[in-house]
């Protein structure tokens, strides 16, 4: 088991290295990069040469890549072209926005998992019934909805029409709440984007749970438990659902990448000051150092989550160890 984990860690590190390399060379070939901007600047050649030297672009490409790797290892993500939240240091900017995204995604994921598992279990028990068809169809419709369209629909209903929730932001402008009042205000702003993201993810969990439960409920050990006289509730809670959670763990890990992609649209529409909105702002400004840092953090997060989930998978399902 330890050797297998080390192999996974090694391949995860190799993947991260290729991500770093791709991340570095991508922003050197994109239109509007720093070198192109400096070359088109209306100034003397001496000033252009000085600007290129300050940006480190006067060195050979491989030398630049070596400097980039060294800076990453020391936590230096570079300087942004613009100020964000009063800072131009890329790492500081990302560190300030990342907690908002993590809190939103974790809460939305919890909503999706709980509701998805509940819908999946009910559909498996009532398979073939109108309830099964209705819940499954509703979950798939929610899953197929575009993120931006569903978010705008919720904003129109709950922010404009009924005015239950604020239209955006993480806190109420012009206020200086402290302590519990600040937490309440923060949660009040988070509820709608959290529900929006959670509902959009229910479908994949519901379908997976339903399919897995239907297979498990026909297994021999389930029939043995019934023959021993255990109640349906006991069999469901102690035998069926725990075994059905094994493939769900993989789906949850793989879904992280899709969640991060949807966060860009969702955070932009709800003006949620997280990593997704930061990427949108940087893209509009062609602030490539910030985009480079955001891509690096998000891709490394996906790789690490999958590595962690793959590692603990052996503890969830002991059969994998053999």
C-alpha atoms as a PDB file:
ATOM      1  CA  UNK A   1       0.000   0.000   0.000  1.00  0.00           C
ATOM      2  CA  UNK A   2       2.833   2.399   0.875  1.00  0.00           C
ATOM      3  CA  UNK A   3       4.623   1.708  -2.440  1.00  0.00           C
ATOM      4  CA  UNK A   4       1.375   2.285  -4.329  1.00  0.00           C
ATOM      5  CA  UNK A   5       0.870   5.608  -2.540  1.00  0.00           C
ATOM      6  CA  UNK A   6       4.437   6.694  -3.344  1.00  0.00           C
ATOM      7  CA  UNK A   7       3.863   5.859  -7.010  1.00  0.00           C
ATOM      8  CA  UNK A   8       0.708   7.955  -7.016  1.00  0.00           C
ATOM      9  CA  UNK A   9       2.558  10.811  -5.346  1.00  0.00           C
ATOM     10  CA  UNK A  10       5.347  10.591  -7.930  1.00  0.00           C
ATOM     11  CA  UNK A  11       2.931  10.688 -10.855  1.00  0.00           C
ATOM     12  CA  UNK A  12       1.044  13.563  -9.220  1.00  0.00           C
ATOM     13  CA  UNK A  13       4.303  15.519  -8.985  1.00  0.00           C
ATOM     14  CA  UNK A  14       5.061  14.734 -12.647  1.00  0.00           C
ATOM     15  CA  UNK A  15       1.589  15.958 -13.610  1.00  0.00           C
ATOM     16  CA  UNK A  16       2.092  19.161 -11.620  1.00  0.00           C
ATOM     17  CA  UNK A  17       5.428  19.729 -13.407  1.00  0.00           C
ATOM     18  CA  UNK A  18       3.762  19.418 -16.821  1.00  0.00           C
ATOM     19  CA  UNK A  19       1.017  21.773 -15.647  1.00  0.00           C
ATOM     20  CA  UNK A  20       3.672  24.302 -14.597  1.00  0.00           C
ATOM     21  CA  UNK A  21       5.410  23.971 -17.974  1.00  0.00           C
ATOM     22  CA  UNK A  22       2.148  24.360 -19.891  1.00  0.00           C
ATOM     23  CA  UNK A  23       1.163  27.272 -17.676  1.00  0.00           C
ATOM     24  CA  UNK A  24       4.491  29.004 -18.390  1.00  0.00           C
ATOM     25  CA  UNK A  25       4.609  28.559 -22.179  1.00  0.00           C
ATOM     26  CA  UNK A  26       0.885  29.222 -22.710  1.00  0.00           C
ATOM     27  CA  UNK A  27       1.127  32.825 -21.565  1.00  0.00           C
ATOM     28  CA  UNK A  28       4.215  33.373 -23.724  1.00  0.00           C
ATOM     29  CA  UNK A  29       2.303  32.605 -26.939  1.00  0.00           C
ATOM     30  CA  UNK A  30      -1.091  34.133 -26.162  1.00  0.00           C
ATOM     31  CA  UNK A  31      -1.985  37.385 -27.953  1.00  0.00           C
ATOM     32  CA  UNK A  32      -1.426  40.491 -25.895  1.00  0.00           C
ATOM     33  CA  UNK A  33       1.395  39.044 -23.783  1.00  0.00           C
ATOM     34  CA  UNK A  34       3.887  41.308 -22.030  1.00  0.00           C
ATOM     35  CA  UNK A  35       6.516  41.065 -24.758  1.00  0.00           C
ATOM     36  CA  UNK A  36       4.011  42.052 -27.441  1.00  0.00           C
ATOM     37  CA  UNK A  37       2.710  44.976 -25.373  1.00  0.00           C
ATOM     38  CA  UNK A  38       6.228  46.304 -24.800  1.00  0.00           C
ATOM     39  CA  UNK A  39       7.138  45.862 -28.488  1.00  0.00           C
ATOM     40  CA  UNK A  40       4.111  47.940 -29.551  1.00  0.00           C
ATOM     41  CA  UNK A  41       4.692  50.652 -26.951  1.00  0.00           C
ATOM     42  CA  UNK A  42       5.198  54.145 -28.328  1.00  0.00           C
ATOM     43  CA  UNK A  43       8.591  54.745 -26.755  1.00  0.00           C
ATOM     44  CA  UNK A  44      12.293  54.495 -27.533  1.00  0.00           C
ATOM     45  CA  UNK A  45      14.148  51.222 -28.040  1.00  0.00           C
ATOM     46  CA  UNK A  46      16.241  51.881 -24.929  1.00  0.00           C
ATOM     47  CA  UNK A  47      13.110  52.104 -22.765  1.00  0.00           C
ATOM     48  CA  UNK A  48      11.716  48.945 -24.386  1.00  0.00           C
ATOM     49  CA  UNK A  49      14.959  47.091 -23.655  1.00  0.00           C
ATOM     50  CA  UNK A  50      14.868  48.233 -20.024  1.00  0.00           C
ATOM     51  CA  UNK A  51      11.238  47.105 -19.633  1.00  0.00           C
ATOM     52  CA  UNK A  52      12.044  43.718 -21.166  1.00  0.00           C
ATOM     53  CA  UNK A  53      14.974  43.332 -18.766  1.00  0.00           C
ATOM     54  CA  UNK A  54      12.786  44.252 -15.760  1.00  0.00           C
ATOM     55  CA  UNK A  55      10.232  41.635 -16.837  1.00  0.00           C
ATOM     56  CA  UNK A  56      13.009  39.065 -17.374  1.00  0.00           C
ATOM     57  CA  UNK A  57      12.094  38.693 -21.057  1.00  0.00           C
ATOM     58  CA  UNK A  58      15.574  39.493 -22.333  1.00  0.00           C
ATOM     59  CA  UNK A  59      16.765  36.028 -21.267  1.00  0.00           C
ATOM     60  CA  UNK A  60      16.490  32.807 -23.343  1.00  0.00           C
ATOM     61  CA  UNK A  61      13.165  30.994 -22.935  1.00  0.00           C
ATOM     62  CA  UNK A  62      14.610  28.057 -21.000  1.00  0.00           C
ATOM     63  CA  UNK A  63      16.401  30.446 -18.666  1.00  0.00           C
ATOM     64  CA  UNK A  64      13.097  32.241 -18.076  1.00  0.00           C
ATOM     65  CA  UNK A  65      11.470  28.888 -17.317  1.00  0.00           C
ATOM     66  CA  UNK A  66      14.197  28.061 -14.781  1.00  0.00           C
ATOM     67  CA  UNK A  67      13.685  31.431 -13.073  1.00  0.00           C
ATOM     68  CA  UNK A  68       9.921  30.818 -13.083  1.00  0.00           C
ATOM     69  CA  UNK A  69      10.367  27.430 -11.374  1.00  0.00           C
ATOM     70  CA  UNK A  70      12.709  28.944  -8.793  1.00  0.00           C
ATOM     71  CA  UNK A  71      10.225  31.731  -8.040  1.00  0.00           C
ATOM     72  CA  UNK A  72       7.357  29.251  -7.655  1.00  0.00           C
ATOM     73  CA  UNK A  73       9.346  27.191  -5.152  1.00  0.00           C
ATOM     74  CA  UNK A  74       9.995  30.332  -3.092  1.00  0.00           C
ATOM     75  CA  UNK A  75       6.349  31.442  -3.270  1.00  0.00           C
ATOM     76  CA  UNK A  76       6.987  34.304  -5.687  1.00  0.00           C
ATOM     77  CA  UNK A  77       4.110  34.398  -8.205  1.00  0.00           C
ATOM     78  CA  UNK A  78       5.191  37.730  -9.651  1.00  0.00           C
ATOM     79  CA  UNK A  79       3.581  41.166  -9.800  1.00  0.00           C
ATOM     80  CA  UNK A  80       0.181  41.922 -11.330  1.00  0.00           C
ATOM     81  CA  UNK A  81      -0.235  44.640 -13.967  1.00  0.00           C
ATOM     82  CA  UNK A  82      -3.017  46.189 -11.874  1.00  0.00           C
ATOM     83  CA  UNK A  83      -3.904  46.515  -8.196  1.00  0.00           C
ATOM     84  CA  UNK A  84      -6.531  44.163  -6.769  1.00  0.00           C
ATOM     85  CA  UNK A  85      -7.886  44.782  -3.270  1.00  0.00           C
ATOM     86  CA  UNK A  86      -5.049  47.234  -2.679  1.00  0.00           C
ATOM     87  CA  UNK A  87      -2.207  44.887  -3.676  1.00  0.00           C
ATOM     88  CA  UNK A  88      -0.257  43.980  -6.811  1.00  0.00           C
ATOM     89  CA  UNK A  89       1.488  40.877  -5.435  1.00  0.00           C
ATOM     90  CA  UNK A  90      -0.114  37.895  -7.199  1.00  0.00           C
ATOM     91  CA  UNK A  91       0.214  35.487  -4.259  1.00  0.00           C
ATOM     92  CA  UNK A  92      -1.285  38.027  -1.861  1.00  0.00           C
ATOM     93  CA  UNK A  93      -4.182  38.681  -4.253  1.00  0.00           C
ATOM     94  CA  UNK A  94      -4.936  34.968  -4.683  1.00  0.00           C
ATOM     95  CA  UNK A  95      -4.606  34.299  -0.945  1.00  0.00           C
ATOM     96  CA  UNK A  96      -7.157  37.031  -0.276  1.00  0.00           C
ATOM     97  CA  UNK A  97      -9.720  35.656  -2.750  1.00  0.00           C
ATOM     98  CA  UNK A  98      -9.191  31.890  -2.343  1.00  0.00           C
ATOM     99  CA  UNK A  99     -10.968  31.450   1.050  1.00  0.00           C
ATOM    100  CA  UNK A 100     -14.224  32.854  -0.367  1.00  0.00           C
ATOM    101  CA  UNK A 101     -14.144  30.331  -3.220  1.00  0.00           C
ATOM    102  CA  UNK A 102     -13.261  27.414  -0.927  1.00  0.00           C
ATOM    103  CA  UNK A 103     -16.095  28.222   1.514  1.00  0.00           C
ATOM    104  CA  UNK A 104     -18.625  28.594  -1.300  1.00  0.00           C
ATOM    105  CA  UNK A 105     -17.554  25.394  -3.070  1.00  0.00           C
ATOM    106  CA  UNK A 106     -17.480  23.278   0.094  1.00  0.00           C
ATOM    107  CA  UNK A 107     -20.949  24.424   1.155  1.00  0.00           C
ATOM    108  CA  UNK A 108     -22.362  23.924  -2.351  1.00  0.00           C
ATOM    109  CA  UNK A 109     -20.725  20.497  -2.575  1.00  0.00           C
ATOM    110  CA  UNK A 110     -22.254  19.518   0.781  1.00  0.00           C
ATOM    111  CA  UNK A 111     -25.721  20.571  -0.434  1.00  0.00           C
ATOM    112  CA  UNK A 112     -25.279  18.636  -3.686  1.00  0.00           C
ATOM    113  CA  UNK A 113     -23.992  15.487  -1.988  1.00  0.00           C
ATOM    114  CA  UNK A 114     -26.743  15.345   0.653  1.00  0.00           C
ATOM    115  CA  UNK A 115     -29.590  16.038  -1.775  1.00  0.00           C
ATOM    116  CA  UNK A 116     -28.061  13.885  -4.516  1.00  0.00           C
ATOM    117  CA  UNK A 117     -27.646  10.894  -2.198  1.00  0.00           C
ATOM    118  CA  UNK A 118     -31.161  11.334  -0.856  1.00  0.00           C
ATOM    119  CA  UNK A 119     -32.675  11.495  -4.337  1.00  0.00           C
ATOM    120  CA  UNK A 120     -30.584   8.534  -5.501  1.00  0.00           C
ATOM    121  CA  UNK A 121     -31.605   6.335  -2.559  1.00  0.00           C
ATOM    122  CA  UNK A 122     -35.303   7.183  -2.951  1.00  0.00           C
ATOM    123  CA  UNK A 123     -35.191   6.539  -6.706  1.00  0.00           C
ATOM    124  CA  UNK A 124     -33.452   3.181  -6.185  1.00  0.00           C
ATOM    125  CA  UNK A 125     -36.046   2.068  -3.642  1.00  0.00           C
ATOM    126  CA  UNK A 126     -38.968   3.272  -5.784  1.00  0.00           C
ATOM    127  CA  UNK A 127     -37.436   2.328  -9.146  1.00  0.00           C
ATOM    128  CA  UNK A 128     -39.886   2.269 -12.010  1.00  0.00           C
ATOM    129  CA  UNK A 129     -42.458   4.385 -10.153  1.00  0.00           C
ATOM    130  CA  UNK A 130     -43.673   7.869 -11.012  1.00  0.00           C
ATOM    131  CA  UNK A 131     -41.674   9.230  -8.069  1.00  0.00           C
ATOM    132  CA  UNK A 132     -38.507   7.671  -9.468  1.00  0.00           C
ATOM    133  CA  UNK A 133     -39.161   9.097 -12.932  1.00  0.00           C
ATOM    134  CA  UNK A 134     -40.044  12.549 -11.601  1.00  0.00           C
ATOM    135  CA  UNK A 135     -37.077  12.929  -9.242  1.00  0.00           C
ATOM    136  CA  UNK A 136     -34.582  11.545 -11.741  1.00  0.00           C
ATOM    137  CA  UNK A 137     -35.904  13.689 -14.586  1.00  0.00           C
ATOM    138  CA  UNK A 138     -35.863  16.794 -12.393  1.00  0.00           C
ATOM    139  CA  UNK A 139     -32.272  16.110 -11.317  1.00  0.00           C
ATOM    140  CA  UNK A 140     -31.137  15.638 -14.911  1.00  0.00           C
ATOM    141  CA  UNK A 141     -32.906  18.833 -16.010  1.00  0.00           C
ATOM    142  CA  UNK A 142     -31.109  20.763 -13.242  1.00  0.00           C
ATOM    143  CA  UNK A 143     -27.782  19.200 -14.226  1.00  0.00           C
ATOM    144  CA  UNK A 144     -28.219  20.144 -17.898  1.00  0.00           C
ATOM    145  CA  UNK A 145     -29.054  23.803 -17.204  1.00  0.00           C
ATOM    146  CA  UNK A 146     -26.376  26.363 -18.141  1.00  0.00           C
ATOM    147  CA  UNK A 147     -24.844  27.875 -15.028  1.00  0.00           C
ATOM    148  CA  UNK A 148     -25.229  31.486 -16.150  1.00  0.00           C
ATOM    149  CA  UNK A 149     -28.889  31.015 -17.160  1.00  0.00           C
ATOM    150  CA  UNK A 150     -29.922  29.336 -13.907  1.00  0.00           C
ATOM    151  CA  UNK A 151     -28.028  31.932 -11.858  1.00  0.00           C
ATOM    152  CA  UNK A 152     -29.780  34.799 -13.666  1.00  0.00           C
ATOM    153  CA  UNK A 153     -33.141  33.078 -13.124  1.00  0.00           C
ATOM    154  CA  UNK A 154     -32.514  32.821  -9.381  1.00  0.00           C
ATOM    155  CA  UNK A 155     -31.359  36.444  -9.224  1.00  0.00           C
ATOM    156  CA  UNK A 156     -34.533  37.571 -11.028  1.00  0.00           C
ATOM    157  CA  UNK A 157     -36.803  35.521  -8.745  1.00  0.00           C
ATOM    158  CA  UNK A 158     -35.214  35.906  -5.316  1.00  0.00           C
ATOM    159  CA  UNK A 159     -33.351  39.225  -5.638  1.00  0.00           C
ATOM    160  CA  UNK A 160     -35.464  41.340  -7.998  1.00  0.00           C
ATOM    161  CA  UNK A 161     -39.011  39.955  -7.681  1.00  0.00           C
ATOM    162  CA  UNK A 162     -39.239  38.813  -4.047  1.00  0.00           C
ATOM    163  CA  UNK A 163     -36.147  40.649  -2.724  1.00  0.00           C
ATOM    164  CA  UNK A 164     -35.236  37.895  -0.270  1.00  0.00           C
ATOM    165  CA  UNK A 165     -31.508  37.859  -0.998  1.00  0.00           C
ATOM    166  CA  UNK A 166     -29.007  40.545  -2.099  1.00  0.00           C
ATOM    167  CA  UNK A 167     -28.074  40.620  -5.788  1.00  0.00           C
ATOM    168  CA  UNK A 168     -24.366  40.122  -5.185  1.00  0.00           C
ATOM    169  CA  UNK A 169     -21.221  40.747  -3.189  1.00  0.00           C
ATOM    170  CA  UNK A 170     -19.979  39.047  -0.045  1.00  0.00           C
ATOM    171  CA  UNK A 171     -21.114  41.734   2.420  1.00  0.00           C
ATOM    172  CA  UNK A 172     -23.534  44.653   2.422  1.00  0.00           C
ATOM    173  CA  UNK A 173     -21.848  47.800   1.043  1.00  0.00           C
ATOM    174  CA  UNK A 174     -21.423  50.647   3.517  1.00  0.00           C
ATOM    175  CA  UNK A 175     -21.569  48.435   6.601  1.00  0.00           C
ATOM    176  CA  UNK A 176     -18.851  47.552   9.072  1.00  0.00           C
ATOM    177  CA  UNK A 177     -20.277  44.546  10.871  1.00  0.00           C
ATOM    178  CA  UNK A 178     -18.117  42.725  13.380  1.00  0.00           C
ATOM    179  CA  UNK A 179     -18.288  39.266  14.930  1.00  0.00           C
ATOM    180  CA  UNK A 180     -21.548  37.341  14.563  1.00  0.00           C
ATOM    181  CA  UNK A 181     -23.217  40.153  12.593  1.00  0.00           C
ATOM    182  CA  UNK A 182     -20.481  39.935   9.974  1.00  0.00           C
ATOM    183  CA  UNK A 183     -20.908  36.138   9.729  1.00  0.00           C
ATOM    184  CA  UNK A 184     -24.684  36.517   9.326  1.00  0.00           C
ATOM    185  CA  UNK A 185     -24.242  39.099   6.588  1.00  0.00           C
ATOM    186  CA  UNK A 186     -21.670  36.904   4.832  1.00  0.00           C
ATOM    187  CA  UNK A 187     -23.950  33.843   4.965  1.00  0.00           C
ATOM    188  CA  UNK A 188     -26.930  35.868   3.748  1.00  0.00           C
ATOM    189  CA  UNK A 189     -24.962  36.805   0.627  1.00  0.00           C
ATOM    190  CA  UNK A 190     -23.680  33.251   0.162  1.00  0.00           C
ATOM    191  CA  UNK A 191     -26.989  31.350   0.363  1.00  0.00           C
ATOM    192  CA  UNK A 192     -28.198  32.021  -3.193  1.00  0.00           C
ATOM    193  CA  UNK A 193     -24.928  31.215  -5.061  1.00  0.00           C
ATOM    194  CA  UNK A 194     -24.485  28.171  -2.810  1.00  0.00           C
ATOM    195  CA  UNK A 195     -27.991  26.874  -3.622  1.00  0.00           C
ATOM    196  CA  UNK A 196     -27.467  27.638  -7.315  1.00  0.00           C
ATOM    197  CA  UNK A 197     -24.237  25.656  -7.536  1.00  0.00           C
ATOM    198  CA  UNK A 198     -25.526  22.860  -5.302  1.00  0.00           C
ATOM    199  CA  UNK A 199     -28.710  22.298  -7.326  1.00  0.00           C
ATOM    200  CA  UNK A 200     -26.773  22.203 -10.583  1.00  0.00           C
ATOM    201  CA  UNK A 201     -24.600  19.362  -9.262  1.00  0.00           C
ATOM    202  CA  UNK A 202     -27.375  17.164  -7.847  1.00  0.00           C
ATOM    203  CA  UNK A 203     -27.943  15.275 -11.106  1.00  0.00           C
ATOM    204  CA  UNK A 204     -24.577  13.545 -11.339  1.00  0.00           C
ATOM    205  CA  UNK A 205     -24.737  12.351  -7.707  1.00  0.00           C
ATOM    206  CA  UNK A 206     -28.374  11.254  -7.940  1.00  0.00           C
ATOM    207  CA  UNK A 207     -27.829   9.189 -11.101  1.00  0.00           C
ATOM    208  CA  UNK A 208     -24.654   7.570  -9.742  1.00  0.00           C
ATOM    209  CA  UNK A 209     -26.234   6.768  -6.375  1.00  0.00           C
ATOM    210  CA  UNK A 210     -29.386   5.351  -7.973  1.00  0.00           C
ATOM    211  CA  UNK A 211     -27.433   3.086 -10.315  1.00  0.00           C
ATOM    212  CA  UNK A 212     -25.112   1.865  -7.547  1.00  0.00           C
ATOM    213  CA  UNK A 213     -27.935   1.282  -5.073  1.00  0.00           C
ATOM    214  CA  UNK A 214     -29.944  -0.716  -7.609  1.00  0.00           C
ATOM    215  CA  UNK A 215     -26.979  -3.057  -8.077  1.00  0.00           C
ATOM    216  CA  UNK A 216     -26.246  -3.340  -4.365  1.00  0.00           C
ATOM    217  CA  UNK A 217     -29.847  -4.098  -3.384  1.00  0.00           C
ATOM    218  CA  UNK A 218     -29.674  -7.262  -5.520  1.00  0.00           C
ATOM    219  CA  UNK A 219     -26.425  -8.540  -3.954  1.00  0.00           C
ATOM    220  CA  UNK A 220     -26.339 -11.801  -1.991  1.00  0.00           C
ATOM    221  CA  UNK A 221     -25.301 -10.182   1.301  1.00  0.00           C
ATOM    222  CA  UNK A 222     -28.379  -7.918   1.132  1.00  0.00           C
ATOM    223  CA  UNK A 223     -30.621 -10.958   0.605  1.00  0.00           C
ATOM    224  CA  UNK A 224     -28.834 -12.689   3.506  1.00  0.00           C
ATOM    225  CA  UNK A 225     -29.505  -9.688   5.754  1.00  0.00           C
ATOM    226  CA  UNK A 226     -33.178  -9.789   4.798  1.00  0.00           C
ATOM    227  CA  UNK A 227     -33.316 -13.520   5.510  1.00  0.00           C
ATOM    228  CA  UNK A 228     -31.879 -12.885   8.983  1.00  0.00           C
ATOM    229  CA  UNK A 229     -34.828 -10.623   9.696  1.00  0.00           C
ATOM    230  CA  UNK A 230     -33.122  -7.215   9.684  1.00  0.00           C
ATOM    231  CA  UNK A 231     -35.441  -4.312   8.961  1.00  0.00           C
ATOM    232  CA  UNK A 232     -35.325  -2.505   5.616  1.00  0.00           C
ATOM    233  CA  UNK A 233     -34.112   0.656   7.371  1.00  0.00           C
ATOM    234  CA  UNK A 234     -31.248  -1.198   9.090  1.00  0.00           C
ATOM    235  CA  UNK A 235     -30.165  -2.869   5.842  1.00  0.00           C
ATOM    236  CA  UNK A 236     -30.275   0.451   4.012  1.00  0.00           C
ATOM    237  CA  UNK A 237     -28.247   2.392   6.604  1.00  0.00           C
ATOM    238  CA  UNK A 238     -25.728  -0.287   7.596  1.00  0.00           C
ATOM    239  CA  UNK A 239     -25.209  -2.281   4.400  1.00  0.00           C
ATOM    240  CA  UNK A 240     -26.471  -0.606   1.222  1.00  0.00           C
ATOM    241  CA  UNK A 241     -25.550   3.078   1.620  1.00  0.00           C
ATOM    242  CA  UNK A 242     -21.993   2.530   3.037  1.00  0.00           C
ATOM    243  CA  UNK A 243     -21.127   0.258   0.098  1.00  0.00           C
ATOM    244  CA  UNK A 244     -22.728   2.644  -2.381  1.00  0.00           C
ATOM    245  CA  UNK A 245     -20.471   5.454  -1.125  1.00  0.00           C
ATOM    246  CA  UNK A 246     -17.367   3.767  -2.587  1.00  0.00           C
ATOM    247  CA  UNK A 247     -17.925   4.864  -6.232  1.00  0.00           C
ATOM    248  CA  UNK A 248     -19.398   8.155  -4.996  1.00  0.00           C
ATOM    249  CA  UNK A 249     -16.011   9.101  -3.532  1.00  0.00           C
ATOM    250  CA  UNK A 250     -14.476   8.907  -7.018  1.00  0.00           C
ATOM    251  CA  UNK A 251     -17.279  10.979  -8.557  1.00  0.00           C
ATOM    252  CA  UNK A 252     -16.885  13.662  -5.880  1.00  0.00           C
ATOM    253  CA  UNK A 253     -13.137  13.955  -6.549  1.00  0.00           C
ATOM    254  CA  UNK A 254     -13.559  14.082 -10.335  1.00  0.00           C
ATOM    255  CA  UNK A 255     -16.302  16.694  -9.991  1.00  0.00           C
ATOM    256  CA  UNK A 256     -13.926  19.216  -8.391  1.00  0.00           C
ATOM    257  CA  UNK A 257     -12.593  20.335 -11.789  1.00  0.00           C
ATOM    258  CA  UNK A 258     -16.116  20.925 -13.131  1.00  0.00           C
ATOM    259  CA  UNK A 259     -17.008  22.898 -10.005  1.00  0.00           C
ATOM    260  CA  UNK A 260     -14.004  25.211 -10.414  1.00  0.00           C
ATOM    261  CA  UNK A 261     -14.990  25.826 -14.034  1.00  0.00           C
ATOM    262  CA  UNK A 262     -18.538  26.731 -13.058  1.00  0.00           C
ATOM    263  CA  UNK A 263     -17.299  28.981 -10.264  1.00  0.00           C
ATOM    264  CA  UNK A 264     -15.989  31.513 -12.808  1.00  0.00           C
ATOM    265  CA  UNK A 265     -19.475  32.119 -14.226  1.00  0.00           C
ATOM    266  CA  UNK A 266     -21.238  31.898 -10.876  1.00  0.00           C
ATOM    267  CA  UNK A 267     -18.905  34.214  -8.966  1.00  0.00           C
ATOM    268  CA  UNK A 268     -18.998  36.751 -11.790  1.00  0.00           C
ATOM    269  CA  UNK A 269     -22.813  36.832 -11.900  1.00  0.00           C
ATOM    270  CA  UNK A 270     -23.169  37.055  -8.117  1.00  0.00           C
ATOM    271  CA  UNK A 271     -20.153  39.393  -7.730  1.00  0.00           C
ATOM    272  CA  UNK A 272     -18.713  36.879  -5.271  1.00  0.00           C
ATOM    273  CA  UNK A 273     -15.156  38.005  -4.599  1.00  0.00           C
ATOM    274  CA  UNK A 274     -13.448  34.680  -5.092  1.00  0.00           C
ATOM    275  CA  UNK A 275     -10.943  33.067  -7.417  1.00  0.00           C
ATOM    276  CA  UNK A 276     -13.467  32.758 -10.263  1.00  0.00           C
ATOM    277  CA  UNK A 277     -14.273  36.459 -10.333  1.00  0.00           C
ATOM    278  CA  UNK A 278     -10.566  37.271 -10.044  1.00  0.00           C
ATOM    279  CA  UNK A 279      -9.863  35.179 -13.153  1.00  0.00           C
ATOM    280  CA  UNK A 280     -12.639  36.978 -15.029  1.00  0.00           C
ATOM    281  CA  UNK A 281     -11.300  40.397 -14.027  1.00  0.00           C
ATOM    282  CA  UNK A 282      -7.730  39.436 -14.957  1.00  0.00           C
ATOM    283  CA  UNK A 283      -8.889  38.050 -18.315  1.00  0.00           C
ATOM    284  CA  UNK A 284     -10.656  41.300 -19.198  1.00  0.00           C
ATOM    285  CA  UNK A 285      -7.527  43.267 -18.266  1.00  0.00           C
ATOM    286  CA  UNK A 286      -5.170  40.761 -19.906  1.00  0.00           C
ATOM    287  CA  UNK A 287      -3.399  40.587 -16.589  1.00  0.00           C
ATOM    288  CA  UNK A 288      -1.489  37.417 -17.424  1.00  0.00           C
ATOM    289  CA  UNK A 289       0.544  37.108 -14.186  1.00  0.00           C
ATOM    290  CA  UNK A 290      -2.701  36.896 -12.199  1.00  0.00           C
ATOM    291  CA  UNK A 291      -4.238  34.426 -14.664  1.00  0.00           C
ATOM    292  CA  UNK A 292      -1.068  32.352 -14.549  1.00  0.00           C
ATOM    293  CA  UNK A 293      -1.212  32.213 -10.764  1.00  0.00           C
ATOM    294  CA  UNK A 294      -4.936  31.367 -10.717  1.00  0.00           C
ATOM    295  CA  UNK A 295      -4.519  28.552 -13.252  1.00  0.00           C
ATOM    296  CA  UNK A 296      -1.605  27.123 -11.300  1.00  0.00           C
ATOM    297  CA  UNK A 297      -3.469  27.151  -7.956  1.00  0.00           C
ATOM    298  CA  UNK A 298      -6.680  25.683  -9.411  1.00  0.00           C
ATOM    299  CA  UNK A 299      -4.982  22.875 -11.360  1.00  0.00           C
ATOM    300  CA  UNK A 300      -2.717  21.917  -8.443  1.00  0.00           C
ATOM    301  CA  UNK A 301      -5.809  21.861  -6.194  1.00  0.00           C
ATOM    302  CA  UNK A 302      -7.569  19.441  -8.563  1.00  0.00           C
ATOM    303  CA  UNK A 303      -4.516  17.164  -8.740  1.00  0.00           C
ATOM    304  CA  UNK A 304      -4.037  17.142  -4.964  1.00  0.00           C
ATOM    305  CA  UNK A 305      -7.719  16.437  -4.263  1.00  0.00           C
ATOM    306  CA  UNK A 306      -7.647  13.483  -6.652  1.00  0.00           C
ATOM    307  CA  UNK A 307      -4.413  12.218  -5.093  1.00  0.00           C
ATOM    308  CA  UNK A 308      -5.855  12.437  -1.576  1.00  0.00           C
ATOM    309  CA  UNK A 309      -9.092  10.748  -2.641  1.00  0.00           C
ATOM    310  CA  UNK A 310      -7.171   8.041  -4.485  1.00  0.00           C
ATOM    311  CA  UNK A 311      -5.041   7.440  -1.395  1.00  0.00           C
ATOM    312  CA  UNK A 312      -7.931   7.106   1.062  1.00  0.00           C
ATOM    313  CA  UNK A 313      -9.876   4.989  -1.431  1.00  0.00           C
ATOM    314  CA  UNK A 314      -8.041   1.931  -0.104  1.00  0.00           C
ATOM    315  CA  UNK A 315      -9.360   2.647   3.384  1.00  0.00           C
ATOM    316  CA  UNK A 316     -12.909   3.182   2.088  1.00  0.00           C
ATOM    317  CA  UNK A 317     -12.808  -0.043   0.077  1.00  0.00           C
ATOM    318  CA  UNK A 318     -10.376  -2.632   1.593  1.00  0.00           C
ATOM    319  CA  UNK A 319     -10.634  -4.727  -1.609  1.00  0.00           C
ATOM    320  CA  UNK A 320      -8.457  -2.151  -3.393  1.00  0.00           C
ATOM    321  CA  UNK A 321      -5.493  -2.939  -1.085  1.00  0.00           C
ATOM    322  CA  UNK A 322      -5.235  -6.425  -2.524  1.00  0.00           C
END
